[in-house]
Amino acid sequence: MAGAPGTTARPRPVRLGVTGGIGSGKSTFAAMLQACGAALIDADGIARSVTQPGGAAIAAIRARFGPDYIDARGALDRARMRALVFADAGAKERLEAIVHPLVGSAIAQAAAAAGRAGHRLIVFDIPLLTESGRWPRELDAVLVVDCREDTQVARVRARSGLAEDAVRAIMATQSSRSTRRAAADFVVYNDGLALSDLQTMAHRVAASFGL
């Protein structure tokens, strides 16, 4: 629809997906882009919010899986659900059928609000971007934050205290580095960098989008 006489249509913001394996530093880089003026939508944070106490998914999860899968705080019991998913291949699909539409709706609302606010760039922080068939259709570009697997392990162990085999088990459920890089329009190699170096890269990426 044409704008009113004398008005100029606001250009559609660029939608940039930022992804990377666990411990790659993708969320740090996404936050740096936000500091440069981009709008940031944390897909994983939204997914967590709908399964927190009072979250939009809790009633449906209780009805579908039973009260044992809701913890004493009223949130999804993640440990119990994780065990169920490992034991029952269909449980993951049943959970996603509840959570994904809610997350998708919340992301769409956040993106629309960012557009109305006049942001030129919307950054979507998406941990499992390349594992999902949905996102390539909804994004204008993909940026992958990459590093060596040993670096991933060291970073995750330092921040979480997980054993190395536990970290590598998580990594095994994610796309390979080569798969992520093949899907990328931009690759940021975050290995052996100081935070100031990563910040410089974020400024360059932001500048390429007019920020």
N, C-alpha and C. Protein backbone atom coordinates (compact mmCIF):
# COMPACT_ATOMS: atom_id res chain seq x y z
N MET A 1 0.86 -1.20 0.00
CA MET A 1 0.00 0.00 0.00
C MET A 1 0.88 1.23 0.00
N ALA A 2 0.56 2.20 -0.85
CA ALA A 2 1.36 3.42 -0.93
C ALA A 2 1.20 4.24 0.34
N GLY A 3 2.26 4.98 0.68
CA GLY A 3 2.19 5.83 1.85
C GLY A 3 1.34 7.05 1.58
N ALA A 4 1.03 7.79 2.60
CA ALA A 4 0.23 9.00 2.47
C ALA A 4 1.03 10.03 1.68
N PRO A 5 0.35 10.94 0.98
CA PRO A 5 1.05 11.98 0.23
C PRO A 5 2.03 12.73 1.12
N GLY A 6 3.23 12.94 0.58
CA GLY A 6 4.22 13.70 1.32
C GLY A 6 5.02 12.88 2.31
N THR A 7 4.75 11.56 2.40
CA THR A 7 5.50 10.71 3.32
C THR A 7 6.42 9.81 2.52
N THR A 8 7.47 9.36 3.15
CA THR A 8 8.42 8.44 2.54
C THR A 8 8.34 7.11 3.27
N ALA A 9 8.14 6.04 2.50
CA ALA A 9 8.04 4.72 3.12
C ALA A 9 9.36 4.38 3.81
N ARG A 10 9.27 3.85 5.00
CA ARG A 10 10.46 3.45 5.74
C ARG A 10 10.99 2.15 5.16
N PRO A 11 12.30 2.08 4.86
CA PRO A 11 12.83 0.85 4.27
C PRO A 11 12.72 -0.32 5.24
N ARG A 12 12.50 -1.47 4.68
CA ARG A 12 12.39 -2.68 5.49
C ARG A 12 13.74 -2.97 6.13
N PRO A 13 13.78 -3.26 7.44
CA PRO A 13 15.07 -3.57 8.07
C PRO A 13 15.66 -4.88 7.55
N VAL A 14 16.97 -4.93 7.53
CA VAL A 14 17.67 -6.17 7.15
C VAL A 14 17.59 -7.13 8.33
N ARG A 15 17.32 -8.39 8.02
CA ARG A 15 17.21 -9.44 9.04
C ARG A 15 18.44 -10.33 8.96
N LEU A 16 19.29 -10.23 9.96
CA LEU A 16 20.56 -10.97 9.99
C LEU A 16 20.52 -12.04 11.07
N GLY A 17 20.69 -13.28 10.68
CA GLY A 17 20.78 -14.36 11.65
C GLY A 17 22.22 -14.55 12.10
N VAL A 18 22.44 -14.59 13.39
CA VAL A 18 23.78 -14.83 13.95
C VAL A 18 23.75 -16.17 14.67
N THR A 19 24.66 -17.06 14.29
CA THR A 19 24.67 -18.39 14.88
C THR A 19 26.10 -18.86 15.08
N GLY A 20 26.23 -20.00 15.71
CA GLY A 20 27.54 -20.60 15.97
C GLY A 20 27.37 -21.72 16.97
N GLY A 21 28.34 -22.59 17.05
CA GLY A 21 28.27 -23.68 18.00
C GLY A 21 28.39 -23.19 19.43
N ILE A 22 28.04 -24.05 20.36
CA ILE A 22 28.17 -23.71 21.77
C ILE A 22 29.62 -23.29 22.06
N GLY A 23 29.77 -22.19 22.79
CA GLY A 23 31.10 -21.70 23.14
C GLY A 23 31.80 -20.92 22.04
N SER A 24 31.10 -20.65 20.93
CA SER A 24 31.74 -19.92 19.84
C SER A 24 31.85 -18.44 20.11
N GLY A 25 30.96 -17.91 20.94
CA GLY A 25 30.93 -16.48 21.20
C GLY A 25 29.87 -15.76 20.39
N LYS A 26 28.91 -16.51 19.84
CA LYS A 26 27.90 -15.89 18.97
C LYS A 26 27.04 -14.89 19.72
N SER A 27 26.65 -15.20 20.96
CA SER A 27 25.79 -14.27 21.70
C SER A 27 26.56 -13.01 22.09
N THR A 28 27.83 -13.16 22.38
CA THR A 28 28.68 -12.00 22.66
C THR A 28 28.75 -11.10 21.44
N PHE A 29 28.93 -11.71 20.26
CA PHE A 29 29.02 -10.92 19.04
C PHE A 29 27.69 -10.27 18.71
N ALA A 30 26.59 -11.00 18.91
CA ALA A 30 25.26 -10.43 18.67
C ALA A 30 25.02 -9.22 19.56
N ALA A 31 25.45 -9.32 20.83
CA ALA A 31 25.28 -8.19 21.75
C ALA A 31 26.14 -6.99 21.32
N MET A 32 27.30 -7.27 20.74
CA MET A 32 28.13 -6.17 20.24
C MET A 32 27.46 -5.47 19.07
N LEU A 33 26.79 -6.23 18.20
CA LEU A 33 26.04 -5.62 17.11
C LEU A 33 24.90 -4.76 17.65
N GLN A 34 24.27 -5.25 18.72
CA GLN A 34 23.21 -4.46 19.35
C GLN A 34 23.78 -3.13 19.86
N ALA A 35 24.95 -3.18 20.45
CA ALA A 35 25.57 -1.95 20.96
C ALA A 35 25.88 -0.97 19.84
N CYS A 36 26.00 -1.49 18.61
CA CYS A 36 26.26 -0.63 17.45
C CYS A 36 24.97 -0.04 16.88
N GLY A 37 23.82 -0.44 17.43
CA GLY A 37 22.56 0.14 16.99
C GLY A 37 21.57 -0.83 16.39
N ALA A 38 21.92 -2.11 16.30
CA ALA A 38 20.98 -3.10 15.79
C ALA A 38 19.95 -3.45 16.86
N ALA A 39 18.78 -3.89 16.40
CA ALA A 39 17.83 -4.51 17.33
C ALA A 39 18.24 -5.96 17.50
N LEU A 40 18.14 -6.48 18.71
CA LEU A 40 18.55 -7.86 18.99
C LEU A 40 17.35 -8.67 19.45
N ILE A 41 17.14 -9.80 18.79
CA ILE A 41 16.10 -10.75 19.19
C ILE A 41 16.79 -12.06 19.56
N ASP A 42 16.69 -12.43 20.83
CA ASP A 42 17.33 -13.62 21.36
C ASP A 42 16.34 -14.78 21.29
N ALA A 43 16.44 -15.58 20.23
CA ALA A 43 15.48 -16.67 20.02
C ALA A 43 15.52 -17.67 21.17
N ASP A 44 16.72 -17.99 21.67
CA ASP A 44 16.84 -18.95 22.75
C ASP A 44 16.25 -18.38 24.04
N GLY A 45 16.46 -17.09 24.27
CA GLY A 45 15.89 -16.45 25.46
C GLY A 45 14.38 -16.46 25.43
N ILE A 46 13.81 -16.22 24.23
CA ILE A 46 12.35 -16.27 24.10
C ILE A 46 11.85 -17.68 24.36
N ALA A 47 12.56 -18.68 23.83
CA ALA A 47 12.16 -20.07 24.05
C ALA A 47 12.18 -20.42 25.54
N ARG A 48 13.20 -19.91 26.25
CA ARG A 48 13.26 -20.17 27.69
C ARG A 48 12.11 -19.47 28.41
N SER A 49 11.77 -18.27 27.96
CA SER A 49 10.75 -17.50 28.67
C SER A 49 9.38 -18.17 28.63
N VAL A 50 9.06 -18.85 27.53
CA VAL A 50 7.72 -19.47 27.45
C VAL A 50 7.62 -20.71 28.33
N THR A 51 8.77 -21.22 28.80
CA THR A 51 8.75 -22.40 29.68
C THR A 51 9.14 -22.05 31.12
N GLN A 52 9.23 -20.74 31.41
CA GLN A 52 9.47 -20.30 32.78
C GLN A 52 8.16 -20.23 33.56
N PRO A 53 8.20 -20.03 34.89
CA PRO A 53 6.95 -19.92 35.65
C PRO A 53 6.03 -18.86 35.04
N GLY A 54 4.80 -19.25 34.78
CA GLY A 54 3.85 -18.34 34.16
C GLY A 54 4.00 -18.21 32.66
N GLY A 55 4.94 -18.95 32.08
CA GLY A 55 5.18 -18.88 30.64
C GLY A 55 4.02 -19.43 29.84
N ALA A 56 3.93 -18.99 28.59
CA ALA A 56 2.78 -19.32 27.75
C ALA A 56 2.66 -20.81 27.44
N ALA A 57 3.77 -21.55 27.56
CA ALA A 57 3.74 -22.97 27.21
C ALA A 57 3.42 -23.89 28.39
N ILE A 58 3.45 -23.36 29.61
CA ILE A 58 3.38 -24.22 30.79
C ILE A 58 2.08 -25.01 30.87
N ALA A 59 0.95 -24.38 30.66
CA ALA A 59 -0.33 -25.09 30.79
C ALA A 59 -0.42 -26.23 29.78
N ALA A 60 0.02 -25.98 28.55
CA ALA A 60 -0.04 -27.01 27.52
C ALA A 60 0.94 -28.14 27.81
N ILE A 61 2.11 -27.82 28.35
CA ILE A 61 3.08 -28.86 28.70
C ILE A 61 2.53 -29.73 29.82
N ARG A 62 1.92 -29.10 30.82
CA ARG A 62 1.33 -29.86 31.93
C ARG A 62 0.23 -30.79 31.41
N ALA A 63 -0.60 -30.28 30.52
CA ALA A 63 -1.71 -31.08 29.99
C ALA A 63 -1.18 -32.22 29.11
N ARG A 64 -0.12 -31.99 28.37
CA ARG A 64 0.38 -33.00 27.42
C ARG A 64 1.26 -34.03 28.09
N PHE A 65 2.10 -33.60 29.03
CA PHE A 65 3.10 -34.51 29.61
C PHE A 65 2.81 -34.88 31.06
N GLY A 66 1.95 -34.11 31.72
CA GLY A 66 1.64 -34.39 33.11
C GLY A 66 2.36 -33.46 34.06
N PRO A 67 1.87 -33.34 35.29
CA PRO A 67 2.44 -32.39 36.25
C PRO A 67 3.86 -32.70 36.67
N ASP A 68 4.31 -33.95 36.48
CA ASP A 68 5.68 -34.30 36.87
C ASP A 68 6.72 -33.54 36.06
N TYR A 69 6.33 -32.99 34.93
CA TYR A 69 7.28 -32.28 34.08
C TYR A 69 7.29 -30.78 34.33
N ILE A 70 6.58 -30.36 35.37
CA ILE A 70 6.61 -28.98 35.83
C ILE A 70 7.25 -28.97 37.22
N ASP A 71 8.27 -28.15 37.42
CA ASP A 71 8.99 -28.18 38.69
C ASP A 71 8.26 -27.38 39.77
N ALA A 72 8.84 -27.33 40.96
CA ALA A 72 8.19 -26.69 42.10
C ALA A 72 8.00 -25.19 41.89
N ARG A 73 8.79 -24.59 41.00
CA ARG A 73 8.65 -23.15 40.72
C ARG A 73 7.55 -22.88 39.70
N GLY A 74 7.07 -23.93 39.06
CA GLY A 74 6.07 -23.74 38.01
C GLY A 74 6.67 -23.62 36.63
N ALA A 75 7.95 -23.99 36.49
CA ALA A 75 8.63 -23.96 35.20
C ALA A 75 8.76 -25.37 34.65
N LEU A 76 9.11 -25.46 33.36
CA LEU A 76 9.42 -26.76 32.79
C LEU A 76 10.58 -27.39 33.55
N ASP A 77 10.43 -28.65 33.95
CA ASP A 77 11.52 -29.39 34.58
C ASP A 77 12.43 -29.88 33.45
N ARG A 78 13.46 -29.12 33.19
CA ARG A 78 14.30 -29.39 32.02
C ARG A 78 15.05 -30.71 32.13
N ALA A 79 15.51 -31.04 33.32
CA ALA A 79 16.25 -32.30 33.48
C ALA A 79 15.34 -33.49 33.21
N ARG A 80 14.13 -33.45 33.75
CA ARG A 80 13.19 -34.55 33.54
C ARG A 80 12.79 -34.63 32.06
N MET A 81 12.54 -33.47 31.45
CA MET A 81 12.15 -33.48 30.05
C MET A 81 13.31 -33.97 29.17
N ARG A 82 14.53 -33.58 29.51
CA ARG A 82 15.68 -34.03 28.75
C ARG A 82 15.79 -35.55 28.79
N ALA A 83 15.57 -36.12 29.98
CA ALA A 83 15.63 -37.57 30.11
C ALA A 83 14.53 -38.24 29.28
N LEU A 84 13.34 -37.65 29.26
CA LEU A 84 12.25 -38.20 28.47
C LEU A 84 12.57 -38.16 26.99
N VAL A 85 13.14 -37.05 26.54
CA VAL A 85 13.45 -36.90 25.12
C VAL A 85 14.47 -37.94 24.68
N PHE A 86 15.45 -38.24 25.54
CA PHE A 86 16.43 -39.26 25.22
C PHE A 86 15.79 -40.64 25.14
N ALA A 87 14.79 -40.88 25.99
CA ALA A 87 14.16 -42.21 26.05
C ALA A 87 13.04 -42.38 25.02
N ASP A 88 12.41 -41.28 24.62
CA ASP A 88 11.23 -41.33 23.75
C ASP A 88 11.44 -40.38 22.58
N ALA A 89 11.68 -40.95 21.40
CA ALA A 89 12.01 -40.14 20.24
C ALA A 89 10.88 -39.17 19.88
N GLY A 90 9.65 -39.52 20.19
CA GLY A 90 8.53 -38.66 19.84
C GLY A 90 8.29 -37.52 20.80
N ALA A 91 8.91 -37.59 21.98
CA ALA A 91 8.68 -36.56 23.00
C ALA A 91 9.18 -35.19 22.54
N LYS A 92 10.32 -35.18 21.85
CA LYS A 92 10.88 -33.91 21.37
C LYS A 92 9.90 -33.24 20.41
N GLU A 93 9.32 -34.01 19.50
CA GLU A 93 8.37 -33.44 18.54
C GLU A 93 7.12 -32.93 19.25
N ARG A 94 6.66 -33.64 20.26
CA ARG A 94 5.46 -33.21 20.99
C ARG A 94 5.73 -31.91 21.75
N LEU A 95 6.92 -31.80 22.33
CA LEU A 95 7.29 -30.57 23.04
C LEU A 95 7.43 -29.41 22.05
N GLU A 96 8.10 -29.66 20.93
CA GLU A 96 8.30 -28.60 19.95
C GLU A 96 6.98 -28.12 19.35
N ALA A 97 6.01 -29.04 19.24
CA ALA A 97 4.70 -28.64 18.70
C ALA A 97 4.01 -27.64 19.61
N ILE A 98 4.34 -27.67 20.89
CA ILE A 98 3.80 -26.70 21.84
C ILE A 98 4.62 -25.41 21.83
N VAL A 99 5.94 -25.57 21.92
CA VAL A 99 6.82 -24.41 22.14
C VAL A 99 7.05 -23.59 20.87
N HIS A 100 7.29 -24.25 19.74
CA HIS A 100 7.71 -23.52 18.54
C HIS A 100 6.71 -22.49 18.04
N PRO A 101 5.42 -22.79 18.00
CA PRO A 101 4.49 -21.74 17.55
C PRO A 101 4.48 -20.52 18.46
N LEU A 102 4.61 -20.74 19.76
CA LEU A 102 4.64 -19.63 20.70
C LEU A 102 5.90 -18.79 20.52
N VAL A 103 7.02 -19.47 20.33
CA VAL A 103 8.28 -18.76 20.11
C VAL A 103 8.24 -18.00 18.79
N GLY A 104 7.72 -18.65 17.76
CA GLY A 104 7.62 -17.99 16.46
C GLY A 104 6.77 -16.74 16.51
N SER A 105 5.66 -16.82 17.22
CA SER A 105 4.79 -15.66 17.35
C SER A 105 5.48 -14.53 18.10
N ALA A 106 6.17 -14.86 19.19
CA ALA A 106 6.87 -13.84 19.98
C ALA A 106 8.00 -13.20 19.18
N ILE A 107 8.71 -13.99 18.38
CA ILE A 107 9.80 -13.45 17.55
C ILE A 107 9.22 -12.51 16.49
N ALA A 108 8.12 -12.91 15.87
CA ALA A 108 7.50 -12.07 14.85
C ALA A 108 7.05 -10.75 15.44
N GLN A 109 6.48 -10.78 16.65
CA GLN A 109 6.05 -9.55 17.30
C GLN A 109 7.23 -8.65 17.61
N ALA A 110 8.34 -9.26 18.09
CA ALA A 110 9.53 -8.47 18.42
C ALA A 110 10.14 -7.85 17.16
N ALA A 111 10.15 -8.61 16.06
CA ALA A 111 10.69 -8.08 14.80
C ALA A 111 9.84 -6.94 14.28
N ALA A 112 8.52 -7.09 14.37
CA ALA A 112 7.63 -6.02 13.91
C ALA A 112 7.84 -4.76 14.74
N ALA A 113 8.01 -4.92 16.05
CA ALA A 113 8.25 -3.76 16.91
C ALA A 113 9.56 -3.09 16.57
N ALA A 114 10.59 -3.89 16.26
CA ALA A 114 11.89 -3.31 15.88
C ALA A 114 11.78 -2.52 14.58
N GLY A 115 10.99 -3.05 13.65
CA GLY A 115 10.78 -2.33 12.39
C GLY A 115 10.07 -1.01 12.62
N ARG A 116 9.04 -1.04 13.46
CA ARG A 116 8.30 0.20 13.75
C ARG A 116 9.18 1.23 14.44
N ALA A 117 10.14 0.74 15.22
CA ALA A 117 11.04 1.65 15.94
C ALA A 117 12.10 2.25 15.03
N GLY A 118 12.15 1.79 13.78
CA GLY A 118 13.07 2.39 12.82
C GLY A 118 14.43 1.75 12.75
N HIS A 119 14.61 0.56 13.31
CA HIS A 119 15.92 -0.10 13.24
C HIS A 119 16.23 -0.52 11.81
N ARG A 120 17.45 -0.26 11.38
CA ARG A 120 17.87 -0.66 10.04
C ARG A 120 18.27 -2.13 9.99
N LEU A 121 18.74 -2.65 11.11
CA LEU A 121 19.23 -4.02 11.17
C LEU A 121 18.61 -4.72 12.37
N ILE A 122 18.03 -5.89 12.13
CA ILE A 122 17.53 -6.74 13.20
C ILE A 122 18.41 -7.99 13.26
N VAL A 123 19.03 -8.21 14.40
CA VAL A 123 19.91 -9.37 14.60
C VAL A 123 19.12 -10.44 15.35
N PHE A 124 19.06 -11.61 14.76
CA PHE A 124 18.41 -12.75 15.38
C PHE A 124 19.50 -13.68 15.90
N ASP A 125 19.62 -13.79 17.21
CA ASP A 125 20.59 -14.69 17.84
C ASP A 125 19.93 -16.07 17.91
N ILE A 126 20.39 -17.00 17.03
CA ILE A 126 19.71 -18.28 16.86
C ILE A 126 20.73 -19.41 17.01
N PRO A 127 20.73 -20.13 18.14
CA PRO A 127 21.71 -21.19 18.34
C PRO A 127 21.65 -22.29 17.28
N LEU A 128 20.46 -22.72 16.90
CA LEU A 128 20.31 -23.86 15.99
C LEU A 128 19.78 -23.42 14.63
N LEU A 129 20.32 -22.36 14.12
CA LEU A 129 19.83 -21.81 12.85
C LEU A 129 19.97 -22.83 11.71
N THR A 130 21.15 -23.43 11.57
CA THR A 130 21.36 -24.33 10.44
C THR A 130 20.70 -25.69 10.65
N GLU A 131 20.27 -25.96 11.87
CA GLU A 131 19.54 -27.21 12.12
C GLU A 131 18.06 -27.08 11.75
N SER A 132 17.60 -25.87 11.52
CA SER A 132 16.18 -25.62 11.26
C SER A 132 15.97 -25.27 9.80
N GLY A 133 14.94 -25.84 9.19
CA GLY A 133 14.62 -25.50 7.81
C GLY A 133 13.87 -24.20 7.68
N ARG A 134 13.46 -23.65 8.81
CA ARG A 134 12.62 -22.45 8.80
C ARG A 134 13.38 -21.18 8.48
N TRP A 135 14.55 -21.01 9.10
CA TRP A 135 15.17 -19.71 9.14
C TRP A 135 15.70 -19.19 7.81
N PRO A 136 16.26 -20.04 6.93
CA PRO A 136 16.76 -19.49 5.66
C PRO A 136 15.71 -18.71 4.88
N ARG A 137 14.45 -19.06 5.03
CA ARG A 137 13.38 -18.36 4.30
C ARG A 137 13.05 -17.01 4.94
N GLU A 138 13.44 -16.81 6.20
CA GLU A 138 13.02 -15.62 6.93
C GLU A 138 14.13 -14.60 7.14
N LEU A 139 15.34 -14.93 6.71
CA LEU A 139 16.49 -14.06 6.94
C LEU A 139 17.04 -13.53 5.63
N ASP A 140 17.65 -12.37 5.70
CA ASP A 140 18.32 -11.80 4.53
C ASP A 140 19.77 -12.24 4.44
N ALA A 141 20.38 -12.54 5.57
CA ALA A 141 21.78 -12.96 5.58
C ALA A 141 22.05 -13.73 6.87
N VAL A 142 23.10 -14.54 6.83
CA VAL A 142 23.51 -15.35 7.98
C VAL A 142 24.97 -15.07 8.30
N LEU A 143 25.24 -14.79 9.57
CA LEU A 143 26.61 -14.62 10.05
C LEU A 143 26.93 -15.74 11.02
N VAL A 144 28.02 -16.43 10.76
CA VAL A 144 28.45 -17.53 11.63
C VAL A 144 29.68 -17.11 12.41
N VAL A 145 29.63 -17.29 13.72
CA VAL A 145 30.80 -17.09 14.57
C VAL A 145 31.43 -18.46 14.76
N ASP A 146 32.67 -18.59 14.36
CA ASP A 146 33.33 -19.89 14.27
C ASP A 146 34.59 -19.90 15.13
N CYS A 147 34.94 -21.08 15.60
CA CYS A 147 36.21 -21.27 16.30
C CYS A 147 36.53 -22.76 16.31
N ARG A 148 37.72 -23.11 16.75
CA ARG A 148 38.11 -24.52 16.83
C ARG A 148 37.28 -25.24 17.88
N GLU A 149 37.08 -26.54 17.68
CA GLU A 149 36.28 -27.31 18.63
C GLU A 149 36.93 -27.35 20.01
N ASP A 150 38.26 -27.43 20.06
CA ASP A 150 38.93 -27.44 21.36
C ASP A 150 38.69 -26.13 22.10
N THR A 151 38.58 -25.04 21.36
CA THR A 151 38.29 -23.74 21.97
C THR A 151 36.86 -23.73 22.52
N GLN A 152 35.92 -24.30 21.77
CA GLN A 152 34.54 -24.41 22.26
C GLN A 152 34.51 -25.15 23.60
N VAL A 153 35.18 -26.29 23.64
CA VAL A 153 35.18 -27.10 24.86
C VAL A 153 35.76 -26.32 26.03
N ALA A 154 36.89 -25.67 25.81
CA ALA A 154 37.55 -24.94 26.89
C ALA A 154 36.67 -23.81 27.41
N ARG A 155 36.01 -23.09 26.52
CA ARG A 155 35.15 -21.98 26.95
C ARG A 155 33.95 -22.47 27.74
N VAL A 156 33.31 -23.52 27.25
CA VAL A 156 32.11 -24.01 27.94
C VAL A 156 32.48 -24.60 29.30
N ARG A 157 33.58 -25.32 29.36
CA ARG A 157 34.01 -25.88 30.65
C ARG A 157 34.33 -24.77 31.64
N ALA A 158 34.95 -23.69 31.16
CA ALA A 158 35.32 -22.59 32.05
C ALA A 158 34.10 -21.89 32.63
N ARG A 159 33.04 -21.78 31.84
CA ARG A 159 31.87 -21.02 32.31
C ARG A 159 30.85 -21.89 33.03
N SER A 160 30.84 -23.21 32.73
CA SER A 160 29.77 -24.05 33.27
C SER A 160 30.27 -25.17 34.18
N GLY A 161 31.55 -25.50 34.06
CA GLY A 161 32.08 -26.59 34.87
C GLY A 161 31.74 -27.97 34.35
N LEU A 162 31.13 -28.07 33.17
CA LEU A 162 30.79 -29.37 32.60
C LEU A 162 32.04 -30.15 32.25
N ALA A 163 31.94 -31.47 32.32
CA ALA A 163 33.05 -32.32 31.90
C ALA A 163 33.19 -32.25 30.38
N GLU A 164 34.40 -32.55 29.90
CA GLU A 164 34.65 -32.45 28.46
C GLU A 164 33.72 -33.35 27.66
N ASP A 165 33.48 -34.57 28.14
CA ASP A 165 32.61 -35.47 27.36
C ASP A 165 31.18 -34.94 27.29
N ALA A 166 30.74 -34.25 28.34
CA ALA A 166 29.40 -33.67 28.32
C ALA A 166 29.31 -32.53 27.31
N VAL A 167 30.36 -31.71 27.24
CA VAL A 167 30.38 -30.61 26.28
C VAL A 167 30.39 -31.17 24.85
N ARG A 168 31.22 -32.17 24.64
CA ARG A 168 31.30 -32.74 23.28
C ARG A 168 30.00 -33.44 22.90
N ALA A 169 29.27 -33.97 23.87
CA ALA A 169 27.97 -34.58 23.58
C ALA A 169 26.99 -33.52 23.09
N ILE A 170 27.03 -32.33 23.71
CA ILE A 170 26.18 -31.24 23.25
C ILE A 170 26.58 -30.82 21.84
N MET A 171 27.87 -30.70 21.61
CA MET A 171 28.37 -30.31 20.28
C MET A 171 27.94 -31.30 19.21
N ALA A 172 27.86 -32.58 19.59
CA ALA A 172 27.49 -33.61 18.61
C ALA A 172 26.04 -33.48 18.16
N THR A 173 25.21 -32.80 18.95
CA THR A 173 23.80 -32.61 18.57
C THR A 173 23.63 -31.38 17.66
N GLN A 174 24.69 -30.61 17.49
CA GLN A 174 24.63 -29.39 16.69
C GLN A 174 25.25 -29.64 15.31
N SER A 175 24.96 -28.75 14.39
CA SER A 175 25.57 -28.85 13.06
C SER A 175 27.09 -28.79 13.16
N SER A 176 27.74 -29.39 12.19
CA SER A 176 29.20 -29.34 12.15
C SER A 176 29.66 -27.93 11.76
N ARG A 177 30.92 -27.63 12.04
CA ARG A 177 31.47 -26.33 11.65
C ARG A 177 31.34 -26.14 10.15
N SER A 178 31.61 -27.18 9.37
CA SER A 178 31.56 -27.04 7.92
C SER A 178 30.15 -26.75 7.43
N THR A 179 29.15 -27.36 8.07
CA THR A 179 27.76 -27.10 7.69
C THR A 179 27.38 -25.66 7.98
N ARG A 180 27.77 -25.17 9.16
CA ARG A 180 27.46 -23.77 9.49
C ARG A 180 28.15 -22.82 8.54
N ARG A 181 29.43 -23.07 8.28
CA ARG A 181 30.17 -22.16 7.40
C ARG A 181 29.60 -22.16 5.98
N ALA A 182 29.13 -23.31 5.54
CA ALA A 182 28.55 -23.39 4.19
C ALA A 182 27.28 -22.55 4.07
N ALA A 183 26.59 -22.35 5.18
CA ALA A 183 25.35 -21.57 5.17
C ALA A 183 25.58 -20.09 5.38
N ALA A 184 26.82 -19.68 5.60
CA ALA A 184 27.12 -18.32 6.03
C ALA A 184 27.32 -17.36 4.87
N ASP A 185 26.82 -16.14 5.06
CA ASP A 185 27.17 -15.02 4.19
C ASP A 185 28.38 -14.28 4.76
N PHE A 186 28.54 -14.35 6.08
CA PHE A 186 29.67 -13.77 6.78
C PHE A 186 30.18 -14.80 7.78
N VAL A 187 31.50 -14.90 7.93
CA VAL A 187 32.10 -15.75 8.97
C VAL A 187 33.04 -14.89 9.80
N VAL A 188 32.85 -14.94 11.12
CA VAL A 188 33.75 -14.28 12.05
C VAL A 188 34.50 -15.38 12.78
N TYR A 189 35.83 -15.42 12.60
CA TYR A 189 36.64 -16.47 13.23
C TYR A 189 37.10 -15.97 14.59
N ASN A 190 36.44 -16.47 15.62
CA ASN A 190 36.65 -15.98 16.98
C ASN A 190 37.53 -16.94 17.76
N ASP A 191 38.78 -16.98 17.39
CA ASP A 191 39.73 -17.86 18.08
C ASP A 191 41.00 -17.09 18.33
N GLY A 192 41.40 -17.00 19.59
CA GLY A 192 42.62 -16.27 19.92
C GLY A 192 42.47 -14.76 19.84
N LEU A 193 41.23 -14.28 19.84
CA LEU A 193 40.99 -12.85 19.76
C LEU A 193 40.74 -12.25 21.14
N ALA A 194 41.21 -11.03 21.32
CA ALA A 194 40.80 -10.26 22.49
C ALA A 194 39.40 -9.72 22.24
N LEU A 195 38.69 -9.39 23.31
CA LEU A 195 37.35 -8.83 23.14
C LEU A 195 37.38 -7.55 22.30
N SER A 196 38.45 -6.79 22.43
CA SER A 196 38.56 -5.56 21.64
C SER A 196 38.65 -5.86 20.15
N ASP A 197 39.32 -6.96 19.80
CA ASP A 197 39.40 -7.36 18.40
C ASP A 197 38.03 -7.78 17.88
N LEU A 198 37.29 -8.52 18.72
CA LEU A 198 35.95 -8.94 18.32
C LEU A 198 35.04 -7.73 18.18
N GLN A 199 35.22 -6.75 19.06
CA GLN A 199 34.43 -5.52 18.98
C GLN A 199 34.71 -4.79 17.67
N THR A 200 35.96 -4.76 17.26
CA THR A 200 36.32 -4.12 15.99
C THR A 200 35.61 -4.81 14.83
N MET A 201 35.58 -6.14 14.86
CA MET A 201 34.88 -6.89 13.80
C MET A 201 33.39 -6.56 13.81
N ALA A 202 32.80 -6.46 15.00
CA ALA A 202 31.38 -6.14 15.10
C ALA A 202 31.09 -4.76 14.50
N HIS A 203 31.96 -3.80 14.76
CA HIS A 203 31.78 -2.46 14.18
C HIS A 203 31.85 -2.52 12.65
N ARG A 204 32.76 -3.35 12.12
CA ARG A 204 32.87 -3.46 10.66
C ARG A 204 31.61 -4.08 10.07
N VAL A 205 31.10 -5.13 10.71
CA VAL A 205 29.87 -5.77 10.22
C VAL A 205 28.71 -4.77 10.30
N ALA A 206 28.59 -4.09 11.44
CA ALA A 206 27.52 -3.12 11.59
C ALA A 206 27.60 -2.03 10.54
N ALA A 207 28.81 -1.56 10.28
CA ALA A 207 28.99 -0.50 9.28
C ALA A 207 28.57 -0.97 7.89
N SER A 208 28.77 -2.27 7.61
CA SER A 208 28.39 -2.79 6.30
C SER A 208 26.88 -2.78 6.11
N PHE A 209 26.13 -2.66 7.21
CA PHE A 209 24.68 -2.57 7.15
C PHE A 209 24.18 -1.14 7.41
N GLY A 210 25.11 -0.20 7.35
CA GLY A 210 24.72 1.20 7.47
C GLY A 210 24.60 1.72 8.87
N LEU A 211 25.14 1.00 9.86
CA LEU A 211 25.07 1.46 11.25
C LEU A 211 26.37 2.17 11.66
